[in-house]
C-alpha atoms as a PDB file:
ATOM      1  CA  MET A   1      51.533   2.709  66.693  1.00  0.00           C
ATOM      2  CA  GLU A   2      54.011   5.569  66.321  1.00  0.00           C
ATOM      3  CA  THR A   3      52.970   8.662  64.420  1.00  0.00           C
ATOM      4  CA  LEU A   4      55.003  10.827  62.078  1.00  0.00           C
ATOM      5  CA  ALA A   5      54.579  13.734  64.504  1.00  0.00           C
ATOM      6  CA  HIS A   6      55.872  11.763  67.498  1.00  0.00           C
ATOM      7  CA  PHE A   7      58.765  10.233  65.548  1.00  0.00           C
ATOM      8  CA  ILE A   8      60.033  13.610  64.307  1.00  0.00           C
ATOM      9  CA  GLN A   9      59.585  15.287  67.677  1.00  0.00           C
ATOM     10  CA  THR A  10      61.422  12.495  69.501  1.00  0.00           C
ATOM     11  CA  LYS A  11      64.289  12.412  66.972  1.00  0.00           C
ATOM     12  CA  ARG A  12      64.572  16.216  67.121  1.00  0.00           C
ATOM     13  CA  GLU A  13      64.684  16.253  70.923  1.00  0.00           C
ATOM     14  CA  ASN A  14      67.224  13.394  70.995  1.00  0.00           C
ATOM     15  CA  ALA A  15      69.383  15.434  68.615  1.00  0.00           C
ATOM     16  CA  GLY A  16      69.198  18.350  71.055  1.00  0.00           C
ATOM     17  CA  LEU A  17      67.399  20.607  68.608  1.00  0.00           C
ATOM     18  CA  SER A  18      64.559  23.010  69.202  1.00  0.00           C
ATOM     19  CA  ILE A  19      61.883  23.165  66.547  1.00  0.00           C
ATOM     20  CA  THR A  20      63.372  26.515  65.491  1.00  0.00           C
ATOM     21  CA  GLY A  21      66.787  24.872  65.189  1.00  0.00           C
ATOM     22  CA  LEU A  22      65.318  22.122  63.026  1.00  0.00           C
ATOM     23  CA  ALA A  23      63.650  24.747  60.835  1.00  0.00           C
ATOM     24  CA  LYS A  24      66.981  26.532  60.325  1.00  0.00           C
ATOM     25  CA  LYS A  25      68.944  23.358  59.594  1.00  0.00           C
ATOM     26  CA  THR A  26      66.344  21.916  57.199  1.00  0.00           C
ATOM     27  CA  ASN A  27      65.399  25.243  55.595  1.00  0.00           C
ATOM     28  CA  ILE A  28      61.738  24.333  56.152  1.00  0.00           C
ATOM     29  CA  LYS A  29      59.408  27.042  57.448  1.00  0.00           C
ATOM     30  CA  LEU A  30      58.813  26.888  61.181  1.00  0.00           C
ATOM     31  CA  GLU A  31      55.036  26.920  60.663  1.00  0.00           C
ATOM     32  CA  ILE A  32      55.244  23.800  58.493  1.00  0.00           C
ATOM     33  CA  LEU A  33      57.327  21.932  61.067  1.00  0.00           C
ATOM     34  CA  GLU A  34      54.934  22.999  63.817  1.00  0.00           C
ATOM     35  CA  ASP A  35      52.041  21.602  61.767  1.00  0.00           C
ATOM     36  CA  ILE A  36      53.949  18.345  61.214  1.00  0.00           C
ATOM     37  CA  GLU A  37      54.733  17.941  64.923  1.00  0.00           C
ATOM     38  CA  ALA A  38      51.152  18.842  65.851  1.00  0.00           C
ATOM     39  CA  GLY A  39      49.908  16.055  63.586  1.00  0.00           C
ATOM     40  CA  LYS A  40      48.190  18.458  61.206  1.00  0.00           C
ATOM     41  CA  GLU A  41      50.430  17.545  58.271  1.00  0.00           C
ATOM     42  CA  LEU A  42      50.292  13.840  57.555  1.00  0.00           C
ATOM     43  CA  PHE A  43      52.352  13.845  54.362  1.00  0.00           C
ATOM     44  CA  LEU A  44      55.792  15.207  53.523  1.00  0.00           C
ATOM     45  CA  SER A  45      57.071  16.296  50.168  1.00  0.00           C
ATOM     46  CA  VAL A  46      60.093  14.361  48.925  1.00  0.00           C
ATOM     47  CA  THR A  47      62.300  17.390  49.611  1.00  0.00           C
ATOM     48  CA  GLN A  48      60.964  17.863  53.135  1.00  0.00           C
ATOM     49  CA  ARG A  49      61.393  14.164  53.872  1.00  0.00           C
ATOM     50  CA  GLN A  50      65.014  14.210  52.670  1.00  0.00           C
ATOM     51  CA  GLN A  51      65.880  17.425  54.538  1.00  0.00           C
ATOM     52  CA  ILE A  52      64.374  16.211  57.814  1.00  0.00           C
ATOM     53  CA  ALA A  53      66.001  12.765  57.487  1.00  0.00           C
ATOM     54  CA  ARG A  54      69.402  14.337  56.796  1.00  0.00           C
ATOM     55  CA  VAL A  55      69.282  16.572  59.870  1.00  0.00           C
ATOM     56  CA  LEU A  56      67.761  13.947  62.174  1.00  0.00           C
ATOM     57  CA  LYS A  57      70.141  11.261  60.866  1.00  0.00           C
ATOM     58  CA  CYS A  58      67.485   8.755  59.877  1.00  0.00           C
ATOM     59  CA  ASN A  59      66.445   7.071  56.662  1.00  0.00           C
ATOM     60  CA  PRO A  60      63.817   8.947  54.601  1.00  0.00           C
ATOM     61  CA  ASN A  61      61.958   5.639  54.299  1.00  0.00           C
ATOM     62  CA  GLU A  62      61.408   5.674  58.079  1.00  0.00           C
ATOM     63  CA  LEU A  63      59.522   8.932  57.659  1.00  0.00           C
ATOM     64  CA  LYS A  64      57.670   7.714  54.570  1.00  0.00           C
ATOM     65  CA  ALA A  65      56.475   4.633  56.447  1.00  0.00           C
ATOM     66  CA  LEU A  66      54.837   6.856  59.092  1.00  0.00           C
ATOM     67  CA  GLU A  67      53.015   9.087  56.638  1.00  0.00           C
ATOM     68  CA  ARG A  68      49.313   8.363  56.446  1.00  0.00           C
ATOM     69  CA  GLU A  69      47.159   7.657  53.467  1.00  0.00           C
ATOM     70  CA  TYR A  70      43.464   7.858  54.123  1.00  0.00           C
ATOM     71  CA  GLU A  71      40.527   6.894  52.021  1.00  0.00           C
ATOM     72  CA  PHE A  72      37.710   9.364  52.244  1.00  0.00           C
ATOM     73  CA  GLU A  73      34.961  10.776  50.147  1.00  0.00           C
ATOM     74  CA  LEU A  74      36.363  13.218  47.625  1.00  0.00           C
ATOM     75  CA  VAL A  75      35.195  16.790  47.798  1.00  0.00           C
ATOM     76  CA  ASN A  76      34.021  18.397  44.577  1.00  0.00           C
ATOM     77  CA  ASP A  77      36.720  20.597  42.951  1.00  0.00           C
ATOM     78  CA  ASP A  78      34.227  23.443  42.563  1.00  0.00           C
ATOM     79  CA  PHE A  79      33.546  23.333  46.294  1.00  0.00           C
ATOM     80  CA  ILE A  80      37.294  23.431  47.034  1.00  0.00           C
ATOM     81  CA  GLU A  81      37.681  26.465  44.758  1.00  0.00           C
ATOM     82  CA  GLU A  82      34.800  28.160  46.588  1.00  0.00           C
ATOM     83  CA  ILE A  83      36.506  27.556  49.948  1.00  0.00           C
ATOM     84  CA  LYS A  84      39.776  28.951  48.546  1.00  0.00           C
ATOM     85  CA  ARG A  85      37.963  32.047  47.285  1.00  0.00           C
ATOM     86  CA  LYS A  86      36.401  32.564  50.722  1.00  0.00           C
ATOM     87  CA  ILE A  87      39.793  32.195  52.421  1.00  0.00           C
ATOM     88  CA  LEU A  88      41.336  34.781  50.077  1.00  0.00           C
ATOM     89  CA  ASN A  89      38.382  37.090  50.845  1.00  0.00           C
ATOM     90  CA  ARG A  90      39.193  36.580  54.539  1.00  0.00           C
ATOM     91  CA  GLU A  91      35.800  35.109  55.347  1.00  0.00           C
ATOM     92  CA  THR A  92      35.598  33.485  58.765  1.00  0.00           C
ATOM     93  CA  ASN A  93      33.741  30.577  60.338  1.00  0.00           C
ATOM     94  CA  LEU A  94      34.323  28.243  57.376  1.00  0.00           C
ATOM     95  CA  LYS A  95      33.251  24.637  57.938  1.00  0.00           C
ATOM     96  CA  CYS A  96      34.837  21.377  56.808  1.00  0.00           C
ATOM     97  CA  PRO A  97      33.019  19.864  53.816  1.00  0.00           C
ATOM     98  CA  ILE A  98      33.577  16.353  55.202  1.00  0.00           C
ATOM     99  CA  CYS A  99      32.613  16.583  58.885  1.00  0.00           C
ATOM    100  CA  GLY A 100      31.240  20.113  59.340  1.00  0.00           C
ATOM    101  CA  GLU A 101      33.744  21.097  62.015  1.00  0.00           C
ATOM    102  CA  PRO A 102      35.590  24.465  61.846  1.00  0.00           C
ATOM    103  CA  LEU A 103      38.406  24.971  59.364  1.00  0.00           C
ATOM    104  CA  ILE A 104      41.653  26.598  60.423  1.00  0.00           C
ATOM    105  CA  THR A 105      42.645  28.845  57.528  1.00  0.00           C
ATOM    106  CA  ARG A 106      45.594  30.978  56.511  1.00  0.00           C
ATOM    107  CA  ILE A 107      46.972  32.667  53.433  1.00  0.00           C
ATOM    108  CA  ALA A 108      50.520  31.699  52.513  1.00  0.00           C
ATOM    109  CA  LYS A 109      52.637  34.321  50.802  1.00  0.00           C
ATOM    110  CA  MET A 110      54.756  32.640  48.139  1.00  0.00           C
ATOM    111  CA  TYR A 111      56.772  33.647  45.115  1.00  0.00           C
ATOM    112  CA  ASP A 112      56.567  32.258  41.602  1.00  0.00           C
ATOM    113  CA  LEU A 113      59.577  31.617  39.354  1.00  0.00           C
ATOM    114  CA  GLU A 114      59.681  35.273  38.319  1.00  0.00           C
ATOM    115  CA  ASP A 115      59.611  36.492  41.962  1.00  0.00           C
ATOM    116  CA  ASN A 116      56.008  37.658  41.739  1.00  0.00           C
ATOM    117  CA  VAL A 117      54.073  37.426  45.003  1.00  0.00           C
ATOM    118  CA  VAL A 118      51.396  34.734  44.959  1.00  0.00           C
ATOM    119  CA  PHE A 119      48.880  34.301  47.780  1.00  0.00           C
ATOM    120  CA  GLU A 120      47.891  30.685  48.325  1.00  0.00           C
ATOM    121  CA  PRO A 121      44.922  29.760  50.533  1.00  0.00           C
ATOM    122  CA  LYS A 122      45.523  26.967  53.049  1.00  0.00           C
ATOM    123  CA  ALA A 123      43.101  25.174  55.371  1.00  0.00           C
ATOM    124  CA  HIS A 124      42.793  22.144  57.606  1.00  0.00           C
ATOM    125  CA  CYS A 125      39.980  20.736  59.677  1.00  0.00           C
ATOM    126  CA  VAL A 126      40.189  20.716  63.463  1.00  0.00           C
ATOM    127  CA  LYS A 127      38.734  17.197  63.584  1.00  0.00           C
ATOM    128  CA  CYS A 128      39.221  15.155  60.409  1.00  0.00           C
ATOM    129  CA  ILE A 129      41.938  14.901  57.770  1.00  0.00           C
ATOM    130  CA  PHE A 130      40.523  17.444  55.318  1.00  0.00           C
ATOM    131  CA  GLN A 131      43.098  19.975  54.198  1.00  0.00           C
ATOM    132  CA  ILE A 132      43.832  22.360  51.386  1.00  0.00           C
ATOM    133  CA  LYS A 133      47.554  22.580  50.744  1.00  0.00           C
END
């Protein structure tokens, strides 16, 4: 079964684009596209799906069909907030609440509608599908 990551990578290479070229043409951050092609991002926003489909000359529904929906035990919102707080405090060695494996974390620098800087904690598990977007 083909994955979203493989489909995008193959289409991009067939179009003669580097991942940096795809980032420029889609106006999607390089780090996000790298996560998609690495299989770390399993879902696309509607905007991302449309931008990627436009540049790779495919139907957005082809991408949507490859996105994955998983059923898994929900993690308590309070626990998620605690993980976010730890990420913002730059704590290390955080573990996945689902499988206990290490979390890869980062802090995204974003801007709100009034151009104020907002720091958003992000995380994904090295083994399972747990992620904080």
